[in-house]
């Protein structure tokens, strides 16, 4: 036990991150579709709103992230979805055999 390393910055000594959100950003954007691209250096998340029965979507937000941040997003979102399903029931997974090009 004496060989255990103590973290460089234990949680109690880390400075708290303060986030600022502009009034426009605080309104948020609704997306019902997401397209994700990546290369060696970055992931690109295009959040899209597609109107029912219209084959045209509008990108409402594009987020670029490094691989480490993308991994943190995956882990965090997985935990939140797990908690959500415990409270509200299982979310139906998209049908992987559905024909491509359908939106709803």
N, C-alpha and C. Protein backbone atom coordinates (compact mmCIF):
# COMPACT_ATOMS: atom_id res chain seq x y z
N UNK A 1 0.80 -1.20 0.00
CA UNK A 1 0.00 0.00 0.00
C UNK A 1 0.84 1.26 0.00
N UNK A 2 2.02 1.20 0.60
CA UNK A 2 2.88 2.37 0.64
C UNK A 2 3.43 2.73 -0.73
N UNK A 3 3.38 1.76 -1.66
CA UNK A 3 3.89 2.00 -3.01
C UNK A 3 2.89 2.73 -3.90
N UNK A 4 1.65 2.91 -3.44
CA UNK A 4 0.65 3.57 -4.26
C UNK A 4 1.04 5.01 -4.51
N UNK A 5 0.84 5.43 -5.76
CA UNK A 5 1.15 6.81 -6.11
C UNK A 5 -0.06 7.69 -5.82
N UNK A 6 0.18 8.88 -5.35
CA UNK A 6 -0.90 9.82 -5.18
C UNK A 6 -1.03 10.62 -6.47
N UNK A 7 -2.27 10.93 -6.88
CA UNK A 7 -2.45 11.71 -8.11
C UNK A 7 -1.75 13.06 -8.01
N UNK A 8 -1.30 13.55 -9.16
CA UNK A 8 -0.61 14.85 -9.18
C UNK A 8 -1.52 15.96 -8.71
N UNK A 9 -2.79 15.91 -9.13
CA UNK A 9 -3.77 16.90 -8.73
C UNK A 9 -5.00 16.18 -8.20
N UNK A 10 -5.03 15.87 -6.90
CA UNK A 10 -6.23 15.22 -6.36
C UNK A 10 -7.46 16.09 -6.64
N UNK A 11 -8.64 15.48 -6.79
CA UNK A 11 -9.84 16.26 -7.14
C UNK A 11 -10.10 17.45 -6.23
N UNK A 12 -9.75 17.35 -4.96
CA UNK A 12 -10.03 18.45 -4.04
C UNK A 12 -9.16 19.68 -4.28
N UNK A 13 -8.02 19.52 -4.97
CA UNK A 13 -7.13 20.66 -5.19
C UNK A 13 -7.21 21.20 -6.61
N UNK A 14 -7.96 20.55 -7.47
CA UNK A 14 -8.08 21.03 -8.85
C UNK A 14 -8.95 22.28 -8.89
N UNK A 15 -8.57 23.25 -9.71
CA UNK A 15 -9.44 24.43 -9.83
C UNK A 15 -10.75 24.05 -10.53
N UNK A 16 -11.84 24.68 -10.13
CA UNK A 16 -13.13 24.41 -10.75
C UNK A 16 -13.21 25.12 -12.09
N UNK A 17 -13.68 24.40 -13.07
CA UNK A 17 -13.84 24.97 -14.41
C UNK A 17 -15.15 25.75 -14.46
N UNK A 18 -15.07 26.98 -14.88
CA UNK A 18 -16.26 27.79 -15.04
C UNK A 18 -16.56 27.91 -16.52
N UNK A 19 -17.80 27.66 -16.90
CA UNK A 19 -18.21 27.73 -18.30
C UNK A 19 -19.06 28.96 -18.53
N UNK A 20 -18.80 29.63 -19.64
CA UNK A 20 -19.60 30.77 -20.05
C UNK A 20 -20.36 30.38 -21.31
N UNK A 21 -21.64 30.68 -21.34
CA UNK A 21 -22.49 30.37 -22.48
C UNK A 21 -23.18 31.65 -22.91
N UNK A 22 -23.02 32.00 -24.19
CA UNK A 22 -23.70 33.20 -24.68
C UNK A 22 -25.21 32.95 -24.69
N UNK A 23 -25.97 34.03 -24.73
CA UNK A 23 -27.43 33.91 -24.77
C UNK A 23 -27.87 33.10 -25.99
N UNK A 24 -27.22 33.32 -27.11
CA UNK A 24 -27.58 32.60 -28.34
C UNK A 24 -27.29 31.11 -28.20
N UNK A 25 -26.13 30.77 -27.65
CA UNK A 25 -25.80 29.35 -27.46
C UNK A 25 -26.69 28.70 -26.41
N UNK A 26 -27.10 29.44 -25.41
CA UNK A 26 -27.94 28.89 -24.34
C UNK A 26 -29.29 28.42 -24.86
N UNK A 27 -29.74 28.98 -25.97
CA UNK A 27 -31.01 28.55 -26.57
C UNK A 27 -30.91 27.12 -27.09
N UNK A 28 -29.71 26.72 -27.49
CA UNK A 28 -29.50 25.37 -28.00
C UNK A 28 -30.01 25.21 -29.43
N UNK A 29 -29.72 24.07 -30.00
CA UNK A 29 -30.18 23.71 -31.34
C UNK A 29 -30.70 22.29 -31.29
N UNK A 30 -31.77 22.03 -31.99
CA UNK A 30 -32.34 20.69 -32.03
C UNK A 30 -31.78 19.93 -33.22
N UNK A 31 -31.32 18.71 -32.99
CA UNK A 31 -30.83 17.85 -34.05
C UNK A 31 -31.46 16.47 -33.89
N UNK A 32 -31.83 15.87 -35.01
CA UNK A 32 -32.39 14.52 -34.97
C UNK A 32 -31.57 13.54 -35.82
N UNK A 33 -30.38 13.98 -36.20
CA UNK A 33 -29.51 13.17 -37.04
C UNK A 33 -28.08 13.65 -36.81
N UNK A 34 -27.13 12.76 -36.84
CA UNK A 34 -25.74 13.17 -36.67
C UNK A 34 -24.87 12.41 -37.66
N UNK A 35 -23.92 13.12 -38.23
CA UNK A 35 -22.93 12.53 -39.14
C UNK A 35 -21.58 12.72 -38.47
N UNK A 36 -20.81 11.64 -38.38
CA UNK A 36 -19.51 11.71 -37.71
C UNK A 36 -18.43 11.28 -38.69
N UNK A 37 -17.43 12.12 -38.83
CA UNK A 37 -16.27 11.84 -39.69
C UNK A 37 -15.03 11.89 -38.81
N UNK A 38 -13.97 11.24 -39.25
CA UNK A 38 -12.71 11.39 -38.53
C UNK A 38 -11.53 11.13 -39.45
N UNK A 39 -10.41 11.65 -39.01
CA UNK A 39 -9.11 11.32 -39.59
C UNK A 39 -8.18 11.04 -38.42
N UNK A 40 -6.92 10.96 -38.67
CA UNK A 40 -5.98 10.62 -37.60
C UNK A 40 -5.96 11.65 -36.47
N UNK A 41 -6.24 12.90 -36.79
CA UNK A 41 -6.06 13.97 -35.81
C UNK A 41 -7.34 14.48 -35.16
N UNK A 42 -8.50 14.26 -35.79
CA UNK A 42 -9.71 14.88 -35.26
C UNK A 42 -10.97 14.11 -35.64
N UNK A 43 -12.02 14.37 -34.86
CA UNK A 43 -13.36 13.87 -35.15
C UNK A 43 -14.22 15.09 -35.45
N UNK A 44 -15.11 14.95 -36.42
CA UNK A 44 -16.03 16.03 -36.78
C UNK A 44 -17.45 15.50 -36.58
N UNK A 45 -18.20 16.19 -35.74
CA UNK A 45 -19.59 15.83 -35.46
C UNK A 45 -20.48 16.89 -36.11
N UNK A 46 -21.24 16.49 -37.11
CA UNK A 46 -22.22 17.39 -37.72
C UNK A 46 -23.60 17.01 -37.19
N UNK A 47 -24.18 17.91 -36.41
CA UNK A 47 -25.53 17.69 -35.89
C UNK A 47 -26.50 18.34 -36.87
N UNK A 48 -27.49 17.55 -37.29
CA UNK A 48 -28.35 17.92 -38.41
C UNK A 48 -29.81 17.86 -37.99
N UNK A 49 -30.60 18.79 -38.49
CA UNK A 49 -32.06 18.71 -38.36
C UNK A 49 -32.62 18.33 -39.72
N UNK A 50 -33.35 17.21 -39.74
CA UNK A 50 -34.00 16.75 -40.97
C UNK A 50 -35.50 16.80 -40.72
N UNK A 51 -36.21 17.56 -41.54
CA UNK A 51 -37.67 17.63 -41.40
C UNK A 51 -38.30 16.34 -41.90
N UNK A 52 -39.38 15.90 -41.25
CA UNK A 52 -40.06 14.70 -41.73
C UNK A 52 -40.47 14.82 -43.20
N UNK A 53 -40.27 13.75 -43.92
CA UNK A 53 -40.67 13.64 -45.32
C UNK A 53 -39.91 14.55 -46.27
N UNK A 54 -38.80 15.11 -45.83
CA UNK A 54 -37.97 15.94 -46.70
C UNK A 54 -36.57 15.37 -46.71
N UNK A 55 -36.02 15.09 -47.88
CA UNK A 55 -34.69 14.48 -47.96
C UNK A 55 -33.53 15.46 -47.87
N UNK A 56 -33.77 16.63 -47.27
CA UNK A 56 -32.72 17.63 -47.13
C UNK A 56 -32.57 17.95 -45.66
N UNK A 57 -31.33 17.93 -45.18
CA UNK A 57 -31.07 18.26 -43.79
C UNK A 57 -30.25 19.53 -43.68
N UNK A 58 -30.38 20.21 -42.56
CA UNK A 58 -29.63 21.43 -42.29
C UNK A 58 -28.69 21.18 -41.12
N UNK A 59 -27.39 21.38 -41.33
CA UNK A 59 -26.44 21.26 -40.23
C UNK A 59 -26.70 22.42 -39.29
N UNK A 60 -27.03 22.09 -38.03
CA UNK A 60 -27.32 23.13 -37.04
C UNK A 60 -26.12 23.40 -36.15
N UNK A 61 -25.17 22.45 -36.12
CA UNK A 61 -23.96 22.66 -35.34
C UNK A 61 -22.89 21.68 -35.80
N UNK A 62 -21.66 22.15 -35.85
CA UNK A 62 -20.51 21.29 -36.17
C UNK A 62 -19.54 21.42 -35.01
N UNK A 63 -19.14 20.28 -34.48
CA UNK A 63 -18.19 20.25 -33.37
C UNK A 63 -16.98 19.44 -33.79
N UNK A 64 -15.80 20.02 -33.63
CA UNK A 64 -14.55 19.31 -33.91
C UNK A 64 -13.90 18.97 -32.59
N UNK A 65 -13.36 17.75 -32.51
CA UNK A 65 -12.74 17.31 -31.27
C UNK A 65 -11.53 16.44 -31.56
N UNK A 66 -10.57 16.48 -30.64
CA UNK A 66 -9.43 15.58 -30.78
C UNK A 66 -9.86 14.18 -30.33
N UNK A 67 -9.09 13.14 -30.65
CA UNK A 67 -9.49 11.78 -30.30
C UNK A 67 -9.73 11.57 -28.81
N UNK A 68 -8.93 12.20 -27.97
CA UNK A 68 -9.10 12.03 -26.52
C UNK A 68 -10.46 12.60 -26.07
N UNK A 69 -10.83 13.75 -26.57
CA UNK A 69 -12.10 14.34 -26.22
C UNK A 69 -13.25 13.51 -26.77
N UNK A 70 -13.10 12.97 -27.98
CA UNK A 70 -14.13 12.10 -28.55
C UNK A 70 -14.33 10.87 -27.67
N UNK A 71 -13.25 10.31 -27.15
CA UNK A 71 -13.34 9.14 -26.27
C UNK A 71 -14.05 9.52 -24.97
N UNK A 72 -13.73 10.70 -24.42
CA UNK A 72 -14.41 11.15 -23.20
C UNK A 72 -15.90 11.34 -23.46
N UNK A 73 -16.25 11.84 -24.64
CA UNK A 73 -17.65 11.99 -25.02
C UNK A 73 -18.34 10.63 -25.05
N UNK A 74 -17.69 9.65 -25.65
CA UNK A 74 -18.25 8.30 -25.74
C UNK A 74 -18.50 7.73 -24.34
N UNK A 75 -17.53 7.82 -23.46
CA UNK A 75 -17.65 7.27 -22.11
C UNK A 75 -18.76 8.00 -21.34
N UNK A 76 -18.74 9.32 -21.39
CA UNK A 76 -19.74 10.10 -20.67
C UNK A 76 -21.15 9.86 -21.19
N UNK A 77 -21.30 9.83 -22.50
CA UNK A 77 -22.62 9.60 -23.10
C UNK A 77 -23.12 8.19 -22.77
N UNK A 78 -22.22 7.22 -22.78
CA UNK A 78 -22.60 5.85 -22.43
C UNK A 78 -23.16 5.78 -21.01
N UNK A 79 -22.48 6.45 -20.08
CA UNK A 79 -22.95 6.46 -18.69
C UNK A 79 -24.30 7.16 -18.57
N UNK A 80 -24.46 8.28 -19.25
CA UNK A 80 -25.74 9.00 -19.19
C UNK A 80 -26.87 8.18 -19.79
N UNK A 81 -26.61 7.50 -20.90
CA UNK A 81 -27.65 6.66 -21.52
C UNK A 81 -28.02 5.49 -20.61
N UNK A 82 -27.02 4.91 -19.96
CA UNK A 82 -27.29 3.82 -19.02
C UNK A 82 -28.20 4.30 -17.90
N UNK A 83 -27.91 5.46 -17.33
CA UNK A 83 -28.75 6.03 -16.27
C UNK A 83 -30.15 6.36 -16.78
N UNK A 84 -30.22 6.91 -17.99
CA UNK A 84 -31.51 7.25 -18.59
C UNK A 84 -32.38 6.01 -18.72
N UNK A 85 -31.78 4.92 -19.25
CA UNK A 85 -32.55 3.69 -19.46
C UNK A 85 -32.97 3.05 -18.13
N UNK A 86 -32.20 3.22 -17.08
CA UNK A 86 -32.61 2.72 -15.76
C UNK A 86 -33.87 3.45 -15.29
N UNK A 87 -33.95 4.74 -15.58
CA UNK A 87 -35.09 5.54 -15.14
C UNK A 87 -36.31 5.43 -16.06
N UNK A 88 -36.06 5.40 -17.37
CA UNK A 88 -37.16 5.55 -18.31
C UNK A 88 -37.37 4.35 -19.24
N UNK A 89 -36.55 3.34 -19.13
CA UNK A 89 -36.69 2.16 -19.99
C UNK A 89 -35.73 2.21 -21.16
N UNK A 90 -35.59 1.04 -21.77
CA UNK A 90 -34.62 0.88 -22.85
C UNK A 90 -34.99 1.70 -24.09
N UNK A 91 -34.00 2.30 -24.69
CA UNK A 91 -34.16 3.04 -25.93
C UNK A 91 -33.97 2.04 -27.07
N UNK A 92 -34.91 2.00 -27.99
CA UNK A 92 -34.81 1.09 -29.13
C UNK A 92 -33.62 1.48 -29.99
N UNK A 93 -32.78 0.50 -30.29
CA UNK A 93 -31.61 0.77 -31.14
C UNK A 93 -32.06 0.89 -32.59
N UNK A 94 -31.36 1.71 -33.38
CA UNK A 94 -31.70 1.82 -34.79
C UNK A 94 -31.52 0.46 -35.48
N UNK A 95 -32.34 0.20 -36.46
CA UNK A 95 -32.27 -1.05 -37.20
C UNK A 95 -31.08 -0.99 -38.15
N UNK A 96 -30.04 -1.82 -37.93
CA UNK A 96 -28.86 -1.75 -38.79
C UNK A 96 -29.12 -2.26 -40.21
N UNK A 97 -30.24 -2.95 -40.42
CA UNK A 97 -30.56 -3.46 -41.75
C UNK A 97 -31.48 -2.54 -42.53
N UNK A 98 -31.86 -1.40 -41.91
CA UNK A 98 -32.75 -0.45 -42.60
C UNK A 98 -32.05 0.09 -43.84
N UNK A 99 -32.79 0.28 -44.92
CA UNK A 99 -32.17 0.80 -46.14
C UNK A 99 -31.58 2.17 -45.91
N UNK A 100 -30.43 2.43 -46.52
CA UNK A 100 -29.78 3.72 -46.41
C UNK A 100 -30.58 4.77 -47.18
N UNK A 101 -30.54 5.97 -46.68
CA UNK A 101 -31.23 7.06 -47.37
C UNK A 101 -32.60 7.35 -46.81
N UNK A 102 -33.07 6.56 -45.84
CA UNK A 102 -34.34 6.90 -45.21
C UNK A 102 -34.03 7.72 -43.97
N UNK A 103 -34.89 8.66 -43.67
CA UNK A 103 -34.62 9.60 -42.58
C UNK A 103 -35.54 9.41 -41.40
N UNK A 104 -36.74 8.87 -41.61
CA UNK A 104 -37.69 8.69 -40.49
C UNK A 104 -38.44 7.41 -40.69
